[in-house]
Amino acid sequence: TAQPTFFGGICKFPDADAYNECLNDLVNGDETVTDTYVRQVYEIAKINNIKYKYVGRAVWLVVIALFFQITLIVFTFAQKLA
């Protein structure tokens, strides 16, 4: 079954009526709404942890690329002066 409280799960429903029915089943079911939202928050935290790792890598790659570009500009300018 699709997760009705998470955007990825919501997109799996064919229409709004199916989504509404799933939400009603969730409210009336054995599983509490709190349990569903706890699972959602946990999954989002895992996703954000992975995103944070890749954003850190991207920042370092940008710094390295800028360093090499500035170095290339300096060497090119130095050769023109010589």
PDB file of N, CA and C in Angstrom:
ATOM      1  N   THR A   1       0.833  -1.183   0.000  1.00  0.00           N
ATOM      2  CA  THR A   1       0.000   0.000   0.000  1.00  0.00           C
ATOM      3  C   THR A   1       0.876   1.244   0.000  1.00  0.00           C
ATOM      4  N   ALA A   2       0.367   2.301  -0.577  1.00  0.00           N
ATOM      5  CA  ALA A   2       1.105   3.559  -0.651  1.00  0.00           C
ATOM      6  C   ALA A   2       1.020   4.283   0.685  1.00  0.00           C
ATOM      7  N   GLN A   3       2.070   5.012   0.993  1.00  0.00           N
ATOM      8  CA  GLN A   3       2.126   5.791   2.230  1.00  0.00           C
ATOM      9  C   GLN A   3       1.338   7.085   2.006  1.00  0.00           C
ATOM     10  N   PRO A   4       0.188   7.273   2.686  1.00  0.00           N
ATOM     11  CA  PRO A   4      -0.659   8.425   2.390  1.00  0.00           C
ATOM     12  C   PRO A   4      -0.175   9.741   2.989  1.00  0.00           C
ATOM     13  N   THR A   5       0.892   9.714   3.767  1.00  0.00           N
ATOM     14  CA  THR A   5       1.369  10.953   4.381  1.00  0.00           C
ATOM     15  C   THR A   5       2.702  11.403   3.814  1.00  0.00           C
ATOM     16  N   PHE A   6       3.168  10.764   2.776  1.00  0.00           N
ATOM     17  CA  PHE A   6       4.471  11.065   2.201  1.00  0.00           C
ATOM     18  C   PHE A   6       4.278  11.353   0.725  1.00  0.00           C
ATOM     19  N   PHE A   7       4.945  12.375   0.197  1.00  0.00           N
ATOM     20  CA  PHE A   7       4.676  12.820  -1.172  1.00  0.00           C
ATOM     21  C   PHE A   7       4.863  11.710  -2.192  1.00  0.00           C
ATOM     22  N   GLY A   8       5.848  10.849  -1.981  1.00  0.00           N
ATOM     23  CA  GLY A   8       6.068   9.743  -2.917  1.00  0.00           C
ATOM     24  C   GLY A   8       4.905   8.772  -2.920  1.00  0.00           C
ATOM     25  N   GLY A   9       4.337   8.536  -1.746  1.00  0.00           N
ATOM     26  CA  GLY A   9       3.186   7.650  -1.649  1.00  0.00           C
ATOM     27  C   GLY A   9       1.921   8.276  -2.182  1.00  0.00           C
ATOM     28  N   ILE A  10       1.753   9.573  -1.958  1.00  0.00           N
ATOM     29  CA  ILE A  10       0.555  10.270  -2.433  1.00  0.00           C
ATOM     30  C   ILE A  10       0.485  10.218  -3.958  1.00  0.00           C
ATOM     31  N   CYS A  11       1.615  10.348  -4.615  1.00  0.00           N
ATOM     32  CA  CYS A  11       1.645  10.337  -6.085  1.00  0.00           C
ATOM     33  C   CYS A  11       1.277   8.974  -6.668  1.00  0.00           C
ATOM     34  N   LYS A  12       1.340   7.924  -5.866  1.00  0.00           N
ATOM     35  CA  LYS A  12       1.023   6.579  -6.358  1.00  0.00           C
ATOM     36  C   LYS A  12      -0.481   6.309  -6.419  1.00  0.00           C
ATOM     37  N   PHE A  13      -1.280   7.167  -5.820  1.00  0.00           N
ATOM     38  CA  PHE A  13      -2.724   6.972  -5.871  1.00  0.00           C
ATOM     39  C   PHE A  13      -3.240   7.389  -7.245  1.00  0.00           C
ATOM     40  N   PRO A  14      -4.193   6.631  -7.791  1.00  0.00           N
ATOM     41  CA  PRO A  14      -4.680   6.960  -9.143  1.00  0.00           C
ATOM     42  C   PRO A  14      -5.504   8.243  -9.201  1.00  0.00           C
ATOM     43  N   ASP A  15      -6.193   8.564  -8.106  1.00  0.00           N
ATOM     44  CA  ASP A  15      -6.998   9.788  -8.081  1.00  0.00           C
ATOM     45  C   ASP A  15      -7.218  10.227  -6.641  1.00  0.00           C
ATOM     46  N   ALA A  16      -7.881  11.367  -6.476  1.00  0.00           N
ATOM     47  CA  ALA A  16      -8.101  11.935  -5.146  1.00  0.00           C
ATOM     48  C   ALA A  16      -9.047  11.076  -4.312  1.00  0.00           C
ATOM     49  N   ASP A  17      -9.989  10.400  -4.965  1.00  0.00           N
ATOM     50  CA  ASP A  17     -10.924   9.553  -4.216  1.00  0.00           C
ATOM     51  C   ASP A  17     -10.205   8.369  -3.569  1.00  0.00           C
ATOM     52  N   ALA A  18      -9.274   7.774  -4.284  1.00  0.00           N
ATOM     53  CA  ALA A  18      -8.509   6.662  -3.715  1.00  0.00           C
ATOM     54  C   ALA A  18      -7.642   7.148  -2.559  1.00  0.00           C
ATOM     55  N   TYR A  19      -7.078   8.330  -2.708  1.00  0.00           N
ATOM     56  CA  TYR A  19      -6.281   8.911  -1.631  1.00  0.00           C
ATOM     57  C   TYR A  19      -7.145   9.191  -0.414  1.00  0.00           C
ATOM     58  N   ASN A  20      -8.336   9.752  -0.619  1.00  0.00           N
ATOM     59  CA  ASN A  20      -9.265  10.035   0.466  1.00  0.00           C
ATOM     60  C   ASN A  20      -9.674   8.747   1.182  1.00  0.00           C
ATOM     61  N   GLU A  21      -9.940   7.707   0.424  1.00  0.00           N
ATOM     62  CA  GLU A  21     -10.316   6.422   1.016  1.00  0.00           C
ATOM     63  C   GLU A  21      -9.188   5.860   1.876  1.00  0.00           C
ATOM     64  N   CYS A  22      -7.967   5.980   1.393  1.00  0.00           N
ATOM     65  CA  CYS A  22      -6.819   5.493   2.160  1.00  0.00           C
ATOM     66  C   CYS A  22      -6.654   6.289   3.453  1.00  0.00           C
ATOM     67  N   LEU A  23      -6.838   7.593   3.395  1.00  0.00           N
ATOM     68  CA  LEU A  23      -6.743   8.406   4.609  1.00  0.00           C
ATOM     69  C   LEU A  23      -7.831   8.036   5.609  1.00  0.00           C
ATOM     70  N   ASN A  24      -9.035   7.794   5.117  1.00  0.00           N
ATOM     71  CA  ASN A  24     -10.119   7.371   6.008  1.00  0.00           C
ATOM     72  C   ASN A  24      -9.804   6.020   6.646  1.00  0.00           C
ATOM     73  N   ASP A  25      -9.248   5.092   5.862  1.00  0.00           N
ATOM     74  CA  ASP A  25      -8.854   3.798   6.421  1.00  0.00           C
ATOM     75  C   ASP A  25      -7.768   3.965   7.476  1.00  0.00           C
ATOM     76  N   LEU A  26      -6.869   4.904   7.237  1.00  0.00           N
ATOM     77  CA  LEU A  26      -5.794   5.153   8.200  1.00  0.00           C
ATOM     78  C   LEU A  26      -6.352   5.668   9.522  1.00  0.00           C
ATOM     79  N   VAL A  27      -7.281   6.592   9.442  1.00  0.00           N
ATOM     80  CA  VAL A  27      -7.856   7.170  10.658  1.00  0.00           C
ATOM     81  C   VAL A  27      -8.672   6.128  11.413  1.00  0.00           C
ATOM     82  N   ASN A  28      -9.372   5.271  10.690  1.00  0.00           N
ATOM     83  CA  ASN A  28     -10.244   4.288  11.322  1.00  0.00           C
ATOM     84  C   ASN A  28      -9.554   2.950  11.590  1.00  0.00           C
ATOM     85  N   GLY A  29      -8.319   2.784  11.151  1.00  0.00           N
ATOM     86  CA  GLY A  29      -7.628   1.505  11.276  1.00  0.00           C
ATOM     87  C   GLY A  29      -6.987   1.303  12.635  1.00  0.00           C
ATOM     88  N   ASP A  30      -6.327   0.152  12.770  1.00  0.00           N
ATOM     89  CA  ASP A  30      -5.653  -0.196  14.021  1.00  0.00           C
ATOM     90  C   ASP A  30      -4.412   0.650  14.251  1.00  0.00           C
ATOM     91  N   GLU A  31      -3.718   0.958  13.182  1.00  0.00           N
ATOM     92  CA  GLU A  31      -2.498   1.757  13.302  1.00  0.00           C
ATOM     93  C   GLU A  31      -2.874   3.211  13.575  1.00  0.00           C
ATOM     94  N   THR A  32      -2.190   3.820  14.498  1.00  0.00           N
ATOM     95  CA  THR A  32      -2.514   5.199  14.832  1.00  0.00           C
ATOM     96  C   THR A  32      -1.894   6.159  13.828  1.00  0.00           C
ATOM     97  N   VAL A  33      -2.459   7.330  13.741  1.00  0.00           N
ATOM     98  CA  VAL A  33      -1.942   8.369  12.860  1.00  0.00           C
ATOM     99  C   VAL A  33      -0.542   8.769  13.316  1.00  0.00           C
ATOM    100  N   THR A  34      -0.340   8.761  14.624  1.00  0.00           N
ATOM    101  CA  THR A  34       0.981   9.114  15.156  1.00  0.00           C
ATOM    102  C   THR A  34       2.048   8.162  14.655  1.00  0.00           C
ATOM    103  N   ASP A  35       1.753   6.861  14.628  1.00  0.00           N
ATOM    104  CA  ASP A  35       2.726   5.883  14.130  1.00  0.00           C
ATOM    105  C   ASP A  35       3.078   6.150  12.671  1.00  0.00           C
ATOM    106  N   THR A  36       2.083   6.508  11.890  1.00  0.00           N
ATOM    107  CA  THR A  36       2.323   6.796  10.479  1.00  0.00           C
ATOM    108  C   THR A  36       3.223   8.015  10.319  1.00  0.00           C
ATOM    109  N   TYR A  37       2.940   9.058  11.077  1.00  0.00           N
ATOM    110  CA  TYR A  37       3.764  10.263  10.969  1.00  0.00           C
ATOM    111  C   TYR A  37       5.159  10.059  11.554  1.00  0.00           C
ATOM    112  N   VAL A  38       5.290   9.215  12.565  1.00  0.00           N
ATOM    113  CA  VAL A  38       6.617   8.906  13.101  1.00  0.00           C
ATOM    114  C   VAL A  38       7.455   8.220  12.032  1.00  0.00           C
ATOM    115  N   ARG A  39       6.862   7.273  11.302  1.00  0.00           N
ATOM    116  CA  ARG A  39       7.596   6.604  10.211  1.00  0.00           C
ATOM    117  C   ARG A  39       7.983   7.614   9.136  1.00  0.00           C
ATOM    118  N   GLN A  40       7.076   8.536   8.822  1.00  0.00           N
ATOM    119  CA  GLN A  40       7.366   9.541   7.805  1.00  0.00           C
ATOM    120  C   GLN A  40       8.521  10.434   8.237  1.00  0.00           C
ATOM    121  N   VAL A  41       8.494  10.928   9.464  1.00  0.00           N
ATOM    122  CA  VAL A  41       9.563  11.801   9.957  1.00  0.00           C
ATOM    123  C   VAL A  41      10.889  11.063   9.955  1.00  0.00           C
ATOM    124  N   TYR A  42      10.882   9.800  10.331  1.00  0.00           N
ATOM    125  CA  TYR A  42      12.115   9.005  10.335  1.00  0.00           C
ATOM    126  C   TYR A  42      12.669   8.860   8.917  1.00  0.00           C
ATOM    127  N   GLU A  43      11.810   8.553   7.953  1.00  0.00           N
ATOM    128  CA  GLU A  43      12.266   8.403   6.572  1.00  0.00           C
ATOM    129  C   GLU A  43      12.797   9.725   6.017  1.00  0.00           C
ATOM    130  N   ILE A  44      12.149  10.833   6.330  1.00  0.00           N
ATOM    131  CA  ILE A  44      12.624  12.134   5.868  1.00  0.00           C
ATOM    132  C   ILE A  44      13.977  12.456   6.484  1.00  0.00           C
ATOM    133  N   ALA A  45      14.163  12.083   7.747  1.00  0.00           N
ATOM    134  CA  ALA A  45      15.460  12.307   8.389  1.00  0.00           C
ATOM    135  C   ALA A  45      16.557  11.510   7.694  1.00  0.00           C
ATOM    136  N   LYS A  46      16.264  10.275   7.301  1.00  0.00           N
ATOM    137  CA  LYS A  46      17.263   9.474   6.581  1.00  0.00           C
ATOM    138  C   LYS A  46      17.582  10.095   5.228  1.00  0.00           C
ATOM    139  N   ILE A  47      16.551  10.569   4.526  1.00  0.00           N
ATOM    140  CA  ILE A  47      16.752  11.214   3.221  1.00  0.00           C
ATOM    141  C   ILE A  47      17.597  12.472   3.384  1.00  0.00           C
ATOM    142  N   ASN A  48      17.293  13.280   4.388  1.00  0.00           N
ATOM    143  CA  ASN A  48      18.049  14.518   4.612  1.00  0.00           C
ATOM    144  C   ASN A  48      19.492  14.236   4.979  1.00  0.00           C
ATOM    145  N   ASN A  49      19.741  13.166   5.705  1.00  0.00           N
ATOM    146  CA  ASN A  49      21.113  12.793   6.047  1.00  0.00           C
ATOM    147  C   ASN A  49      21.919  12.490   4.784  1.00  0.00           C
ATOM    148  N   ILE A  50      21.320  11.767   3.864  1.00  0.00           N
ATOM    149  CA  ILE A  50      21.996  11.452   2.601  1.00  0.00           C
ATOM    150  C   ILE A  50      22.192  12.728   1.776  1.00  0.00           C
ATOM    151  N   LYS A  51      21.173  13.586   1.729  1.00  0.00           N
ATOM    152  CA  LYS A  51      21.294  14.846   0.984  1.00  0.00           C
ATOM    153  C   LYS A  51      22.415  15.704   1.552  1.00  0.00           C
ATOM    154  N   TYR A  52      22.514  15.768   2.871  1.00  0.00           N
ATOM    155  CA  TYR A  52      23.546  16.573   3.519  1.00  0.00           C
ATOM    156  C   TYR A  52      24.942  16.084   3.124  1.00  0.00           C
ATOM    157  N   LYS A  53      25.106  14.773   3.039  1.00  0.00           N
ATOM    158  CA  LYS A  53      26.398  14.210   2.641  1.00  0.00           C
ATOM    159  C   LYS A  53      26.758  14.656   1.221  1.00  0.00           C
ATOM    160  N   TYR A  54      25.805  14.582   0.311  1.00  0.00           N
ATOM    161  CA  TYR A  54      26.077  14.954  -1.074  1.00  0.00           C
ATOM    162  C   TYR A  54      26.237  16.463  -1.256  1.00  0.00           C
ATOM    163  N   VAL A  55      25.528  17.255  -0.482  1.00  0.00           N
ATOM    164  CA  VAL A  55      25.714  18.709  -0.546  1.00  0.00           C
ATOM    165  C   VAL A  55      27.121  19.061  -0.061  1.00  0.00           C
ATOM    166  N   GLY A  56      27.597  18.400   0.981  1.00  0.00           N
ATOM    167  CA  GLY A  56      28.965  18.633   1.449  1.00  0.00           C
ATOM    168  C   GLY A  56      29.989  18.302   0.377  1.00  0.00           C
ATOM    169  N   ARG A  57      29.788  17.192  -0.309  1.00  0.00           N
ATOM    170  CA  ARG A  57      30.695  16.826  -1.404  1.00  0.00           C
ATOM    171  C   ARG A  57      30.637  17.864  -2.520  1.00  0.00           C
ATOM    172  N   ALA A  58      29.452  18.330  -2.841  1.00  0.00           N
ATOM    173  CA  ALA A  58      29.296  19.317  -3.917  1.00  0.00           C
ATOM    174  C   ALA A  58      30.007  20.616  -3.579  1.00  0.00           C
ATOM    175  N   VAL A  59      29.935  21.031  -2.322  1.00  0.00           N
ATOM    176  CA  VAL A  59      30.617  22.263  -1.919  1.00  0.00           C
ATOM    177  C   VAL A  59      32.114  22.114  -2.112  1.00  0.00           C
ATOM    178  N   TRP A  60      32.673  20.991  -1.684  1.00  0.00           N
ATOM    179  CA  TRP A  60      34.117  20.780  -1.860  1.00  0.00           C
ATOM    180  C   TRP A  60      34.493  20.734  -3.337  1.00  0.00           C
ATOM    181  N   LEU A  61      33.680  20.113  -4.174  1.00  0.00           N
ATOM    182  CA  LEU A  61      33.985  20.069  -5.605  1.00  0.00           C
ATOM    183  C   LEU A  61      33.949  21.465  -6.226  1.00  0.00           C
ATOM    184  N   VAL A  62      33.033  22.308  -5.795  1.00  0.00           N
ATOM    185  CA  VAL A  62      32.984  23.681  -6.298  1.00  0.00           C
ATOM    186  C   VAL A  62      34.235  24.444  -5.872  1.00  0.00           C
ATOM    187  N   VAL A  63      34.655  24.267  -4.618  1.00  0.00           N
ATOM    188  CA  VAL A  63      35.863  24.941  -4.128  1.00  0.00           C
ATOM    189  C   VAL A  63      37.078  24.490  -4.919  1.00  0.00           C
ATOM    190  N   ILE A  64      37.195  23.194  -5.156  1.00  0.00           N
ATOM    191  CA  ILE A  64      38.336  22.670  -5.917  1.00  0.00           C
ATOM    192  C   ILE A  64      38.315  23.190  -7.353  1.00  0.00           C
ATOM    193  N   ALA A  65      37.129  23.203  -7.975  1.00  0.00           N
ATOM    194  CA  ALA A  65      37.023  23.702  -9.348  1.00  0.00           C
ATOM    195  C   ALA A  65      37.392  25.179  -9.420  1.00  0.00           C
ATOM    196  N   LEU A  66      36.936  25.966  -8.475  1.00  0.00           N
ATOM    197  CA  LEU A  66      37.304  27.388  -8.461  1.00  0.00           C
ATOM    198  C   LEU A  66      38.800  27.584  -8.269  1.00  0.00           C
ATOM    199  N   PHE A  67      39.408  26.779  -7.411  1.00  0.00           N
ATOM    200  CA  PHE A  67      40.850  26.869  -7.195  1.00  0.00           C
ATOM    201  C   PHE A  67      41.600  26.606  -8.493  1.00  0.00           C
ATOM    202  N   PHE A  68      41.217  25.555  -9.222  1.00  0.00           N
ATOM    203  CA  PHE A  68      41.904  25.238 -10.474  1.00  0.00           C
ATOM    204  C   PHE A  68      41.658  26.311 -11.532  1.00  0.00           C
ATOM    205  N   GLN A  69      40.468  26.870 -11.573  1.00  0.00           N
ATOM    206  CA  GLN A  69      40.198  27.926 -12.551  1.00  0.00           C
ATOM    207  C   GLN A  69      41.013  29.175 -12.247  1.00  0.00           C
ATOM    208  N   ILE A  70      41.087  29.561 -10.995  1.00  0.00           N
ATOM    209  CA  ILE A  70      41.875  30.730 -10.627  1.00  0.00           C
ATOM    210  C   ILE A  70      43.350  30.486 -10.893  1.00  0.00           C
ATOM    211  N   THR A  71      43.811  29.279 -10.600  1.00  0.00           N
ATOM    212  CA  THR A  71      45.209  28.926 -10.875  1.00  0.00           C
ATOM    213  C   THR A  71      45.498  29.017 -12.370  1.00  0.00           C
ATOM    214  N   LEU A  72      44.606  28.515 -13.193  1.00  0.00           N
ATOM    215  CA  LEU A  72      44.780  28.585 -14.641  1.00  0.00           C
ATOM    216  C   LEU A  72      44.812  30.035 -15.121  1.00  0.00           C
ATOM    217  N   ILE A  73      43.958  30.870 -14.584  1.00  0.00           N
ATOM    218  CA  ILE A  73      43.941  32.289 -14.959  1.00  0.00           C
ATOM    219  C   ILE A  73      45.245  32.964 -14.559  1.00  0.00           C
ATOM    220  N   VAL A  74      45.746  32.666 -13.374  1.00  0.00           N
ATOM    221  CA  VAL A  74      46.999  33.271 -12.905  1.00  0.00           C
ATOM    222  C   VAL A  74      48.152  32.837 -13.790  1.00  0.00           C
ATOM    223  N   PHE A  75      48.249  31.550 -14.123  1.00  0.00           N
ATOM    224  CA  PHE A  75      49.340  31.080 -14.985  1.00  0.00           C
ATOM    225  C   PHE A  75      49.246  31.681 -16.386  1.00  0.00           C
ATOM    226  N   THR A  76      48.035  31.797 -16.908  1.00  0.00           N
ATOM    227  CA  THR A  76      47.863  32.395 -18.232  1.00  0.00           C
ATOM    228  C   THR A  76      48.283  33.859 -18.212  1.00  0.00           C
ATOM    229  N   PHE A  77      47.899  34.590 -17.193  1.00  0.00           N
ATOM    230  CA  PHE A  77      48.272  35.991 -17.066  1.00  0.00           C
ATOM    231  C   PHE A  77      49.770  36.132 -16.885  1.00  0.00           C
ATOM    232  N   ALA A  78      50.387  35.236 -16.096  1.00  0.00           N
ATOM    233  CA  ALA A  78      51.838  35.295 -15.869  1.00  0.00           C
ATOM    234  C   ALA A  78      52.606  35.037 -17.168  1.00  0.00           C
ATOM    235  N   GLN A  79      52.124  34.142 -18.003  1.00  0.00           N
ATOM    236  CA  GLN A  79      52.791  33.862 -19.273  1.00  0.00           C
ATOM    237  C   GLN A  79      52.692  35.046 -20.229  1.00  0.00           C
ATOM    238  N   LYS A  80      51.592  35.761 -20.191  1.00  0.00           N
ATOM    239  CA  LYS A  80      51.414  36.933 -21.051  1.00  0.00           C
ATOM    240  C   LYS A  80      52.382  38.053 -20.644  1.00  0.00           C
ATOM    241  N   LEU A  81      52.685  38.142 -19.329  1.00  0.00           N
ATOM    242  CA  LEU A  81      53.608  39.183 -18.845  1.00  0.00           C
ATOM    243  C   LEU A  81      55.064  38.856 -19.176  1.00  0.00           C
ATOM    244  N   ALA A  82      55.364  37.572 -19.288  1.00  0.00           N
ATOM    245  CA  ALA A  82      56.763  37.184 -19.522  1.00  0.00           C
ATOM    246  C   ALA A  82      57.208  37.325 -20.925  1.00  0.00           C
TER     247      ALA A  82
END
